[in-house]
């Protein structure tokens, strides 16, 4: 009887102590593990970067002052790092802290692959749970199809589940609500977790005291994890960890990587410095190339034809018109239209074009419009009104069928070639659109780009700015001097030699013979 009373007294004291760490994961970690005994005596305790994150979490919890009823802002931490810094250990500590200090907390943990999830992320939790002073409160499972941690007395309402990140498993991430407690998500190797999973996880941030942690090597320069550090930086506490600054990493191996590949190589950026690469493996256009074009002064292209590209928005996305005069895509600014009704949109575009034609400096020489979806009828209407917009469909065959799978790929290639000397307006959305383009494998060795539907999934919106710019490369448009020569000599066709490149506003890809027809 005395033993039972002693055990109960111990549990009461333990629970009281643990409740005191509600706001502080760091104090919990220092209390919950025997750092002065084997095997942890040689571990040295949490590293400085782990301490910094846990202190950041504490500050956010204290600021939020969750009262157990009214929802508070989510605590969000994103960490991009090199290899071997101890992300899995921190993940285990955060799970055990949240589960121990918040009755009826509910969490979901995922990783980039099922193997990473089972053998590393979730296995690490099992190891630290055995060492944790509150580990006996929870049942831990790590078998095929059954990876979970739950309170022994509240299996359904107080638990954390490991879920694979396949898109078809997205429903497993929905409904993770804990209105009077904390729901939490932990994404390991977050760069490779599909956009759909990120999208569904947003639903768990709507009530209670939510937490969201995203850790990983920054292997991709696009996607939701990248946007934590860019577009959504104001929502996340972001940090980049250089593996060389972490106590437990293999410094000799890291230094060899730097010595063999160079400090500025993408391999070192991703695997050592925790920096996003200049160009991902599948990425077609690097951010550095686009930024160079945006920092380049526009050249004098007054004798080059002015070409417009119209990409028609769908849903909440705008319709965009972009202009390019030779290597100058800056001087004539873009136009944006939010009108959803097709005929009203056609009327607004026609009014805008009237203004362009009224100014001798902005009279268009050619306008290409995306004919996919709702674009076809609007282009028809604009042509009825006399504006001569040429329909282009990205699925059409390329001019050069030996190199490009379709017109979309050909326009992307021409745009990429142009970026090495062209001048772009400084526009963050345009940069994201152009850098999001990805190459897809093709059995005939033709360049094939990722579909617009897939890009919309990655970006969370339609890449209309980028597509409007690329439409200006749909077909070759002769420079004005060439057109004058055609008219003077009454010839119906001009051929250019295979070594000619861009002249004026028209685009001449190397290796192709282009024709200009004059009616």
Protein backbone atom coordinates (compact mmCIF):
# COMPACT_ATOMS: atom_id res chain seq x y z
CA UNK A 1 0.00 0.00 0.00
CA UNK A 2 2.85 2.29 0.87
CA UNK A 3 4.47 1.55 -2.50
CA UNK A 4 1.27 2.53 -4.31
CA UNK A 5 1.03 5.72 -2.31
CA UNK A 6 4.67 6.51 -3.02
CA UNK A 7 4.14 5.85 -6.73
CA UNK A 8 1.08 8.08 -6.80
CA UNK A 9 2.90 10.77 -4.89
CA UNK A 10 5.76 10.59 -7.41
CA UNK A 11 3.35 10.86 -10.33
CA UNK A 12 1.59 13.82 -8.75
CA UNK A 13 4.90 15.62 -8.27
CA UNK A 14 6.03 14.73 -11.77
CA UNK A 15 2.85 16.07 -13.32
CA UNK A 16 3.15 19.26 -11.31
CA UNK A 17 6.76 19.73 -12.41
CA UNK A 18 5.93 19.04 -16.06
CA UNK A 19 3.04 21.50 -16.03
CA UNK A 20 5.57 24.18 -15.14
CA UNK A 21 7.24 23.69 -18.52
CA UNK A 22 4.10 24.54 -20.52
CA UNK A 23 5.76 27.50 -22.19
CA UNK A 24 9.35 26.27 -22.21
CA UNK A 25 10.47 23.34 -24.36
CA UNK A 26 14.08 24.05 -23.36
CA UNK A 27 13.45 23.69 -19.63
CA UNK A 28 11.45 20.53 -20.35
CA UNK A 29 14.31 19.02 -22.35
CA UNK A 30 16.88 19.83 -19.66
CA UNK A 31 14.60 18.34 -16.99
CA UNK A 32 13.22 15.31 -18.83
CA UNK A 33 16.51 13.64 -19.84
CA UNK A 34 19.46 12.53 -17.74
CA UNK A 35 22.16 14.57 -19.41
CA UNK A 36 24.73 13.70 -16.72
CA UNK A 37 24.46 9.93 -17.22
CA UNK A 38 25.30 7.53 -20.07
CA UNK A 39 24.56 7.57 -22.93
CA UNK A 40 23.73 11.29 -22.87
CA UNK A 41 26.71 12.39 -20.82
CA UNK A 42 28.78 12.53 -24.00
CA UNK A 43 26.01 14.21 -26.00
CA UNK A 44 26.68 17.56 -24.37
CA UNK A 45 23.08 18.70 -24.18
CA UNK A 46 21.17 20.68 -26.81
CA UNK A 47 23.24 22.53 -29.40
CA UNK A 48 23.05 26.30 -29.57
CA UNK A 49 20.79 26.31 -32.66
CA UNK A 50 18.35 23.97 -30.90
CA UNK A 51 18.41 26.19 -27.83
CA UNK A 52 17.69 29.26 -29.97
CA UNK A 53 14.65 27.63 -31.58
CA UNK A 54 13.25 26.40 -28.27
CA UNK A 55 13.64 29.88 -26.78
CA UNK A 56 11.88 31.34 -29.82
CA UNK A 57 8.99 28.93 -29.28
CA UNK A 58 8.81 29.94 -25.61
CA UNK A 59 8.56 33.61 -26.52
CA UNK A 60 5.71 32.93 -28.94
CA UNK A 61 3.79 30.80 -26.43
CA UNK A 62 4.09 33.52 -23.79
CA UNK A 63 3.00 36.20 -26.25
CA UNK A 64 -0.03 34.18 -27.38
CA UNK A 65 -1.35 33.61 -23.81
CA UNK A 66 -3.68 30.78 -24.84
CA UNK A 67 -6.61 30.64 -22.42
CA UNK A 68 -7.80 27.16 -23.35
CA UNK A 69 -10.71 28.45 -25.39
CA UNK A 70 -10.05 31.38 -27.74
CA UNK A 71 -7.74 30.44 -30.64
CA UNK A 72 -4.33 32.08 -30.89
CA UNK A 73 -1.89 32.55 -33.80
CA UNK A 74 0.07 29.49 -34.82
CA UNK A 75 3.65 29.07 -33.66
CA UNK A 76 5.60 28.47 -36.88
CA UNK A 77 9.29 27.61 -37.11
CA UNK A 78 11.09 26.83 -40.38
CA UNK A 79 14.68 25.60 -40.42
CA UNK A 80 16.76 25.15 -43.58
CA UNK A 81 20.06 23.48 -42.80
CA UNK A 82 22.97 21.44 -43.99
CA UNK A 83 23.43 17.78 -43.11
CA UNK A 84 23.77 16.16 -39.70
CA UNK A 85 22.81 18.98 -37.35
CA UNK A 86 20.36 17.00 -35.18
CA UNK A 87 16.98 17.90 -36.66
CA UNK A 88 15.51 14.48 -35.81
CA UNK A 89 16.52 14.84 -32.15
CA UNK A 90 14.85 18.26 -31.93
CA UNK A 91 11.76 16.83 -33.60
CA UNK A 92 11.55 14.12 -30.92
CA UNK A 93 12.01 16.62 -28.11
CA UNK A 94 9.26 18.89 -29.44
CA UNK A 95 6.82 15.99 -29.79
CA UNK A 96 7.50 14.81 -26.23
CA UNK A 97 7.25 18.36 -24.88
CA UNK A 98 3.93 19.05 -26.58
CA UNK A 99 2.45 15.68 -25.66
CA UNK A 100 3.63 15.92 -22.03
CA UNK A 101 2.57 19.49 -21.29
CA UNK A 102 -0.73 19.70 -23.19
CA UNK A 103 -3.48 17.24 -22.29
CA UNK A 104 -5.32 16.00 -25.38
CA UNK A 105 -2.82 17.47 -27.82
CA UNK A 106 -3.03 16.04 -31.34
CA UNK A 107 -0.15 15.93 -33.77
CA UNK A 108 0.83 14.69 -37.21
CA UNK A 109 4.42 14.07 -38.30
CA UNK A 110 5.56 13.40 -41.84
CA UNK A 111 8.73 13.23 -43.91
CA UNK A 112 9.73 13.27 -47.57
CA UNK A 113 9.71 9.44 -47.90
CA UNK A 114 8.19 6.56 -45.95
CA UNK A 115 11.69 5.22 -45.28
CA UNK A 116 12.86 8.56 -43.85
CA UNK A 117 9.74 8.73 -41.73
CA UNK A 118 9.94 5.21 -40.32
CA UNK A 119 13.66 4.59 -39.92
CA UNK A 120 14.85 8.09 -39.01
CA UNK A 121 12.22 10.60 -37.88
CA UNK A 122 9.90 8.20 -36.04
CA UNK A 123 12.69 5.88 -34.92
CA UNK A 124 14.43 8.85 -33.28
CA UNK A 125 11.25 9.58 -31.33
CA UNK A 126 11.23 5.99 -30.05
CA UNK A 127 14.81 6.35 -28.84
CA UNK A 128 14.18 9.60 -26.96
CA UNK A 129 10.84 8.43 -25.57
CA UNK A 130 12.66 5.61 -23.76
CA UNK A 131 14.98 8.15 -22.16
CA UNK A 132 12.25 10.68 -21.30
CA UNK A 133 11.00 11.00 -17.73
CA UNK A 134 7.42 11.10 -19.04
CA UNK A 135 7.94 8.31 -21.59
CA UNK A 136 5.93 5.81 -19.51
CA UNK A 137 2.82 7.95 -19.97
CA UNK A 138 2.71 7.07 -23.66
CA UNK A 139 2.40 4.02 -25.87
CA UNK A 140 4.79 4.08 -28.83
CA UNK A 141 4.37 2.05 -32.04
CA UNK A 142 6.56 1.83 -35.11
CA UNK A 143 5.28 -0.99 -37.28
CA UNK A 144 4.13 -0.99 -40.87
CA UNK A 145 0.93 1.02 -41.11
CA UNK A 146 0.94 1.73 -37.36
CA UNK A 147 3.25 4.56 -36.36
CA UNK A 148 1.80 6.47 -33.46
CA UNK A 149 2.34 7.76 -29.94
CA UNK A 150 -0.64 8.11 -27.63
CA UNK A 151 -1.44 8.64 -23.96
CA UNK A 152 -2.25 5.29 -22.40
CA UNK A 153 -5.45 6.59 -20.82
CA UNK A 154 -6.68 8.62 -23.81
CA UNK A 155 -5.75 6.75 -26.97
CA UNK A 156 -8.04 8.63 -29.37
CA UNK A 157 -7.92 12.20 -28.09
CA UNK A 158 -4.30 12.57 -26.93
CA UNK A 159 -2.02 11.31 -29.66
CA UNK A 160 0.51 11.91 -32.41
CA UNK A 161 0.50 9.98 -35.70
CA UNK A 162 3.19 9.55 -38.33
CA UNK A 163 1.73 9.78 -41.82
CA UNK A 164 3.31 9.35 -45.24
CA UNK A 165 3.19 12.48 -47.38
CA UNK A 166 1.74 10.97 -50.55
CA UNK A 167 -0.86 13.29 -52.02
CA UNK A 168 -3.47 10.53 -51.96
CA UNK A 169 -2.95 10.43 -48.18
CA UNK A 170 -3.76 14.13 -47.74
CA UNK A 171 -6.98 13.43 -45.84
CA UNK A 172 -4.89 12.05 -42.98
CA UNK A 173 -3.68 15.61 -42.42
CA UNK A 174 -7.16 17.09 -42.25
CA UNK A 175 -9.24 17.42 -39.10
CA UNK A 176 -6.25 17.69 -36.77
CA UNK A 177 -8.12 20.01 -34.43
CA UNK A 178 -7.73 20.53 -30.68
CA UNK A 179 -9.88 23.53 -29.80
CA UNK A 180 -9.08 23.41 -26.08
CA UNK A 181 -5.50 22.21 -26.50
CA UNK A 182 -2.77 22.16 -29.17
CA UNK A 183 -2.75 20.67 -32.64
CA UNK A 184 0.67 20.40 -34.24
CA UNK A 185 2.38 19.40 -37.48
CA UNK A 186 6.03 18.54 -37.97
CA UNK A 187 7.40 18.26 -41.52
CA UNK A 188 10.82 16.58 -41.81
CA UNK A 189 12.78 17.09 -45.05
CA UNK A 190 10.09 19.61 -45.88
CA UNK A 191 11.39 20.60 -49.34
CA UNK A 192 10.04 17.40 -50.89
CA UNK A 193 6.64 17.33 -49.17
CA UNK A 194 3.87 17.90 -51.77
CA UNK A 195 2.01 21.19 -51.93
CA UNK A 196 -1.28 19.40 -51.31
CA UNK A 197 -0.12 18.27 -47.87
CA UNK A 198 0.86 21.81 -46.93
CA UNK A 199 -2.48 23.05 -48.18
CA UNK A 200 -4.51 20.55 -46.14
CA UNK A 201 -2.41 21.14 -43.01
CA UNK A 202 -3.57 24.77 -43.00
CA UNK A 203 -6.87 23.48 -41.64
CA UNK A 204 -5.21 22.45 -38.39
CA UNK A 205 -4.16 26.04 -37.69
CA UNK A 206 -7.66 27.43 -37.16
CA UNK A 207 -8.39 26.74 -33.50
CA UNK A 208 -6.77 26.14 -30.14
CA UNK A 209 -3.04 26.71 -29.78
CA UNK A 210 -1.52 25.38 -33.03
CA UNK A 211 2.13 24.63 -33.83
CA UNK A 212 3.83 24.00 -37.18
CA UNK A 213 7.47 23.06 -37.59
CA UNK A 214 9.18 22.58 -40.99
CA UNK A 215 12.74 21.25 -41.06
CA UNK A 216 14.97 20.12 -43.90
CA UNK A 217 17.79 20.52 -46.38
CA UNK A 218 16.75 23.26 -48.83
CA UNK A 219 17.03 21.04 -51.89
CA UNK A 220 14.51 22.88 -54.08
CA UNK A 221 14.30 26.53 -55.04
CA UNK A 222 10.52 26.36 -55.37
CA UNK A 223 7.57 24.97 -53.44
CA UNK A 224 5.96 25.59 -50.06
CA UNK A 225 9.12 25.15 -47.97
CA UNK A 226 10.96 27.69 -50.13
CA UNK A 227 8.08 30.13 -49.75
CA UNK A 228 8.33 29.93 -45.94
CA UNK A 229 11.56 31.90 -46.41
CA UNK A 230 10.25 34.15 -49.15
CA UNK A 231 6.60 34.92 -49.80
CA UNK A 232 5.33 33.83 -46.37
CA UNK A 233 8.31 34.91 -44.31
CA UNK A 234 6.13 37.17 -42.18
CA UNK A 235 4.18 34.06 -41.07
CA UNK A 236 7.21 31.96 -40.13
CA UNK A 237 10.21 32.32 -37.83
CA UNK A 238 12.88 31.29 -40.32
CA UNK A 239 16.50 30.38 -39.81
CA UNK A 240 19.29 28.85 -41.88
CA UNK A 241 21.82 26.64 -40.11
CA UNK A 242 25.35 26.07 -41.45
CA UNK A 243 26.41 22.54 -40.52
CA UNK A 244 29.92 23.78 -39.76
CA UNK A 245 28.53 25.84 -36.87
CA UNK A 246 26.97 22.82 -35.15
CA UNK A 247 28.90 20.93 -32.48
CA UNK A 248 28.01 17.37 -33.47
CA UNK A 249 28.69 17.50 -37.24
CA UNK A 250 31.59 15.86 -39.08
CA UNK A 251 33.72 18.90 -39.83
CA UNK A 252 36.30 16.99 -41.88
CA UNK A 253 33.65 15.68 -44.27
CA UNK A 254 32.03 19.11 -44.58
CA UNK A 255 35.34 20.80 -45.30
CA UNK A 256 36.06 18.22 -48.00
CA UNK A 257 32.74 19.04 -49.67
CA UNK A 258 33.66 22.71 -49.71
CA UNK A 259 37.19 22.04 -50.94
CA UNK A 260 36.01 19.75 -53.76
CA UNK A 261 33.03 21.79 -54.94
CA UNK A 262 33.56 25.40 -53.88
CA UNK A 263 31.85 27.57 -51.30
CA UNK A 264 29.32 28.95 -53.81
CA UNK A 265 28.38 25.64 -55.44
CA UNK A 266 24.78 24.54 -55.08
CA UNK A 267 25.95 21.31 -53.43
CA UNK A 268 27.67 23.23 -50.64
CA UNK A 269 24.82 25.71 -50.36
CA UNK A 270 22.31 22.91 -49.80
CA UNK A 271 24.32 20.26 -47.93
CA UNK A 272 26.55 22.49 -45.82
CA UNK A 273 25.33 26.09 -45.58
CA UNK A 274 21.58 25.53 -45.41
CA UNK A 275 21.02 27.88 -48.34
CA UNK A 276 18.55 27.33 -51.15
CA UNK A 277 20.25 26.49 -54.46
CA UNK A 278 20.61 29.01 -57.25
CA UNK A 279 18.98 26.44 -59.49
CA UNK A 280 17.23 23.20 -58.55
CA UNK A 281 17.89 20.05 -60.55
CA UNK A 282 14.60 20.27 -62.46
CA UNK A 283 14.56 24.08 -62.63
CA UNK A 284 14.85 25.46 -66.15
CA UNK A 285 15.82 29.05 -65.40
CA UNK A 286 17.98 30.00 -62.44
CA UNK A 287 17.10 32.83 -60.09
CA UNK A 288 20.52 34.37 -60.76
CA UNK A 289 19.78 34.67 -64.50
CA UNK A 290 16.41 36.34 -63.87
CA UNK A 291 17.86 38.73 -61.28
CA UNK A 292 20.63 39.69 -63.71
CA UNK A 293 18.00 40.56 -66.33
CA UNK A 294 16.06 42.59 -63.76
CA UNK A 295 19.20 44.54 -62.85
CA UNK A 296 20.18 45.19 -66.47
CA UNK A 297 19.52 48.65 -67.93
CA UNK A 298 17.09 48.46 -70.87
CA UNK A 299 18.85 49.11 -74.20
CA UNK A 300 17.65 51.53 -76.87
CA UNK A 301 15.29 49.42 -78.99
CA UNK A 302 13.24 52.19 -80.59
CA UNK A 303 13.52 50.60 -84.05
CA UNK A 304 12.40 47.19 -82.88
CA UNK A 305 8.78 46.02 -83.08
CA UNK A 306 6.65 46.11 -79.96
CA UNK A 307 5.22 42.68 -79.13
CA UNK A 308 2.49 42.01 -76.57
CA UNK A 309 1.58 38.80 -74.77
CA UNK A 310 -1.83 38.32 -73.16
CA UNK A 311 -2.35 35.55 -70.61
CA UNK A 312 -5.96 35.26 -69.49
CA UNK A 313 -6.53 34.71 -65.77
CA UNK A 314 -8.76 32.04 -64.33
CA UNK A 315 -10.61 32.18 -61.03
CA UNK A 316 -9.01 34.82 -58.81
CA UNK A 317 -5.88 35.15 -60.98
CA UNK A 318 -5.54 38.33 -63.06
CA UNK A 319 -5.33 38.66 -66.82
CA UNK A 320 -1.87 40.01 -67.65
CA UNK A 321 -0.56 41.84 -70.71
CA UNK A 322 3.22 42.15 -70.97
CA UNK A 323 5.24 43.99 -73.61
CA UNK A 324 8.68 43.48 -75.08
CA UNK A 325 10.59 45.61 -77.55
CA UNK A 326 13.67 43.64 -78.55
CA UNK A 327 15.76 43.21 -75.41
CA UNK A 328 13.67 45.79 -73.55
CA UNK A 329 10.80 44.37 -71.48
CA UNK A 330 10.84 47.29 -69.04
CA UNK A 331 9.93 50.55 -70.78
CA UNK A 332 6.35 49.64 -71.65
CA UNK A 333 4.78 48.54 -68.35
CA UNK A 334 2.47 45.52 -67.98
CA UNK A 335 -1.28 45.77 -67.51
CA UNK A 336 -3.47 43.74 -65.15
CA UNK A 337 -7.20 43.07 -65.31
CA UNK A 338 -9.32 41.43 -62.61
CA UNK A 339 -12.60 41.30 -64.57
CA UNK A 340 -14.09 37.78 -64.66
CA UNK A 341 -16.84 38.25 -67.24
CA UNK A 342 -15.40 37.44 -70.70
CA UNK A 343 -17.13 40.15 -72.70
CA UNK A 344 -16.54 42.81 -70.06
CA UNK A 345 -12.90 41.77 -69.99
CA UNK A 346 -12.69 42.08 -73.78
CA UNK A 347 -14.17 45.57 -73.51
CA UNK A 348 -11.63 46.63 -70.87
CA UNK A 349 -8.72 45.24 -72.88
CA UNK A 350 -9.95 47.02 -76.01
CA UNK A 351 -10.16 50.32 -74.09
CA UNK A 352 -6.62 49.77 -72.82
CA UNK A 353 -5.36 48.97 -76.35
CA UNK A 354 -7.01 52.14 -77.67
CA UNK A 355 -4.70 54.04 -75.33
CA UNK A 356 -1.70 52.10 -76.64
CA UNK A 357 -2.58 52.88 -80.27
CA UNK A 358 -3.16 56.55 -79.44
CA UNK A 359 0.51 56.99 -78.52
CA UNK A 360 2.95 56.69 -81.46
CA UNK A 361 5.58 55.26 -79.10
CA UNK A 362 3.40 52.37 -77.95
CA UNK A 363 1.64 51.20 -81.11
CA UNK A 364 1.84 47.39 -80.98
CA UNK A 365 3.38 45.59 -83.94
CA UNK A 366 2.10 42.17 -82.85
CA UNK A 367 -0.02 40.80 -80.01
CA UNK A 368 -0.14 37.11 -79.07
CA UNK A 369 -2.90 35.80 -76.81
CA UNK A 370 -3.19 32.50 -74.96
CA UNK A 371 -6.07 30.71 -76.66
CA UNK A 372 -6.46 27.97 -74.04
CA UNK A 373 -9.53 27.86 -71.80
CA UNK A 374 -11.53 31.07 -71.93
CA UNK A 375 -8.88 32.85 -74.00
CA UNK A 376 -10.20 31.74 -77.40
CA UNK A 377 -13.58 33.53 -77.25
CA UNK A 378 -11.99 36.71 -75.86
CA UNK A 379 -9.41 36.73 -78.64
CA UNK A 380 -12.21 36.24 -81.18
CA UNK A 381 -14.02 39.23 -79.73
CA UNK A 382 -10.89 41.40 -79.79
CA UNK A 383 -10.33 40.48 -83.43
CA UNK A 384 -13.95 41.37 -84.22
CA UNK A 385 -13.18 44.78 -82.75
CA UNK A 386 -10.18 45.09 -85.05
CA UNK A 387 -7.23 44.57 -82.70
CA UNK A 388 -5.57 41.67 -84.56
CA UNK A 389 -4.63 39.46 -81.63
CA UNK A 390 -3.02 36.21 -82.79
CA UNK A 391 -4.17 33.13 -80.90
CA UNK A 392 -1.46 30.85 -79.48
CA UNK A 393 -2.03 27.53 -77.76
CA UNK A 394 0.80 26.07 -75.69
CA UNK A 395 -0.17 22.54 -76.77
CA UNK A 396 0.31 23.31 -80.44
CA UNK A 397 3.32 21.95 -82.28
CA UNK A 398 6.57 23.88 -82.14
CA UNK A 399 8.14 25.61 -85.14
CA UNK A 400 11.21 23.48 -84.46
CA UNK A 401 9.72 20.03 -83.90
CA UNK A 402 13.16 18.43 -83.68
CA UNK A 403 13.96 20.16 -80.37
CA UNK A 404 10.69 21.06 -78.66
CA UNK A 405 7.75 18.88 -77.67
CA UNK A 406 5.23 21.71 -78.10
CA UNK A 407 4.82 25.46 -78.39
CA UNK A 408 5.00 25.89 -74.60
CA UNK A 409 8.51 24.40 -74.48
CA UNK A 410 9.61 26.45 -77.48
CA UNK A 411 8.46 29.72 -75.93
CA UNK A 412 10.19 28.82 -72.67
CA UNK A 413 13.44 28.09 -74.53
CA UNK A 414 13.31 31.34 -76.49
CA UNK A 415 12.61 33.28 -73.30
CA UNK A 416 15.52 31.61 -71.51
CA UNK A 417 17.88 32.42 -74.37
CA UNK A 418 16.71 36.04 -74.34
CA UNK A 419 17.29 36.44 -70.58
CA UNK A 420 21.07 36.38 -71.04
CA UNK A 421 20.95 39.82 -72.71
CA UNK A 422 17.40 41.10 -72.10
CA UNK A 423 16.16 43.57 -69.51
CA UNK A 424 13.18 42.72 -67.27
CA UNK A 425 11.12 44.85 -64.92
CA UNK A 426 11.85 44.21 -61.23
CA UNK A 427 8.80 42.19 -60.26
CA UNK A 428 8.80 39.48 -57.58
CA UNK A 429 5.82 37.61 -59.06
CA UNK A 430 7.41 37.59 -62.52
CA UNK A 431 10.66 36.25 -61.04
CA UNK A 432 8.82 33.46 -59.21
CA UNK A 433 6.91 32.54 -62.37
CA UNK A 434 10.01 32.31 -64.55
CA UNK A 435 12.03 30.40 -61.93
CA UNK A 436 9.19 27.94 -61.33
CA UNK A 437 9.47 26.48 -64.84
CA UNK A 438 10.62 22.87 -64.67
CA UNK A 439 11.79 20.39 -67.26
CA UNK A 440 9.96 17.07 -67.62
CA UNK A 441 11.64 13.96 -69.06
CA UNK A 442 10.56 13.11 -72.61
CA UNK A 443 11.13 9.85 -74.44
CA UNK A 444 11.89 11.51 -77.79
CA UNK A 445 14.63 13.74 -76.35
CA UNK A 446 12.51 16.81 -76.97
CA UNK A 447 12.32 19.62 -74.43
CA UNK A 448 9.07 19.27 -72.50
CA UNK A 449 8.10 21.68 -69.74
CA UNK A 450 5.94 20.99 -66.70
CA UNK A 451 2.27 21.68 -67.45
CA UNK A 452 0.64 24.88 -66.35
CA UNK A 453 -1.69 22.84 -64.15
CA UNK A 454 1.29 21.47 -62.22
CA UNK A 455 2.86 24.91 -61.91
CA UNK A 456 -0.39 26.23 -60.46
CA UNK A 457 -0.22 23.45 -57.87
CA UNK A 458 3.38 24.35 -56.96
CA UNK A 459 2.92 28.14 -56.87
CA UNK A 460 -0.56 28.13 -55.40
CA UNK A 461 -1.63 30.47 -58.22
CA UNK A 462 -1.42 30.71 -61.99
CA UNK A 463 1.95 31.87 -63.46
CA UNK A 464 0.22 34.48 -65.61
CA UNK A 465 2.98 37.10 -65.43
CA UNK A 466 5.61 34.67 -66.63
CA UNK A 467 3.37 33.18 -69.31
CA UNK A 468 2.43 36.62 -70.64
CA UNK A 469 6.12 37.41 -71.03
CA UNK A 470 6.85 34.08 -72.74
CA UNK A 471 3.98 34.66 -75.17
CA UNK A 472 5.99 37.52 -76.69
CA UNK A 473 8.27 34.77 -78.07
CA UNK A 474 5.49 32.72 -79.67
CA UNK A 475 6.49 33.49 -83.26
CA UNK A 476 9.18 35.49 -84.98
CA UNK A 477 8.30 39.12 -85.61
CA UNK A 478 10.51 40.92 -88.08
CA UNK A 479 12.27 44.12 -87.06
CA UNK A 480 10.79 47.23 -88.62
CA UNK A 481 13.75 47.71 -90.95
CA UNK A 482 13.14 44.24 -92.38
CA UNK A 483 9.44 44.98 -92.87
CA UNK A 484 10.27 48.20 -94.71
CA UNK A 485 12.61 46.27 -96.96
CA UNK A 486 9.88 43.74 -97.64
CA UNK A 487 7.38 46.40 -98.61
CA UNK A 488 9.87 48.30 -100.76
CA UNK A 489 10.90 45.20 -102.66
CA UNK A 490 7.36 43.77 -102.75
CA UNK A 491 8.55 40.43 -101.53
CA UNK A 492 6.24 38.17 -99.62
CA UNK A 493 8.85 36.34 -97.63
CA UNK A 494 12.16 36.89 -95.86
CA UNK A 495 14.50 34.15 -94.71
CA UNK A 496 17.28 34.65 -92.22
CA UNK A 497 20.46 32.61 -92.09
CA UNK A 498 20.99 29.99 -89.40
CA UNK A 499 23.55 32.07 -87.48
CA UNK A 500 21.28 35.06 -86.91
CA UNK A 501 20.01 35.66 -83.38
CA UNK A 502 17.64 38.21 -81.92
CA UNK A 503 17.40 41.38 -83.97
CA UNK A 504 15.39 44.19 -82.50
CA UNK A 505 12.19 42.99 -80.96
CA UNK A 506 11.76 39.91 -83.07
CA UNK A 507 13.26 36.64 -81.87
CA UNK A 508 15.46 34.48 -84.00
CA UNK A 509 16.50 31.23 -82.26
CA UNK A 510 19.73 29.80 -83.61
CA UNK A 511 19.42 26.84 -85.95
CA UNK A 512 15.92 27.71 -87.19
CA UNK A 513 14.77 29.25 -90.46
CA UNK A 514 11.97 31.71 -89.74
CA UNK A 515 9.48 33.11 -92.18
CA UNK A 516 7.60 36.38 -92.08
CA UNK A 517 4.47 36.62 -94.19
CA UNK A 518 3.22 39.95 -95.38
CA UNK A 519 -0.33 40.18 -96.61
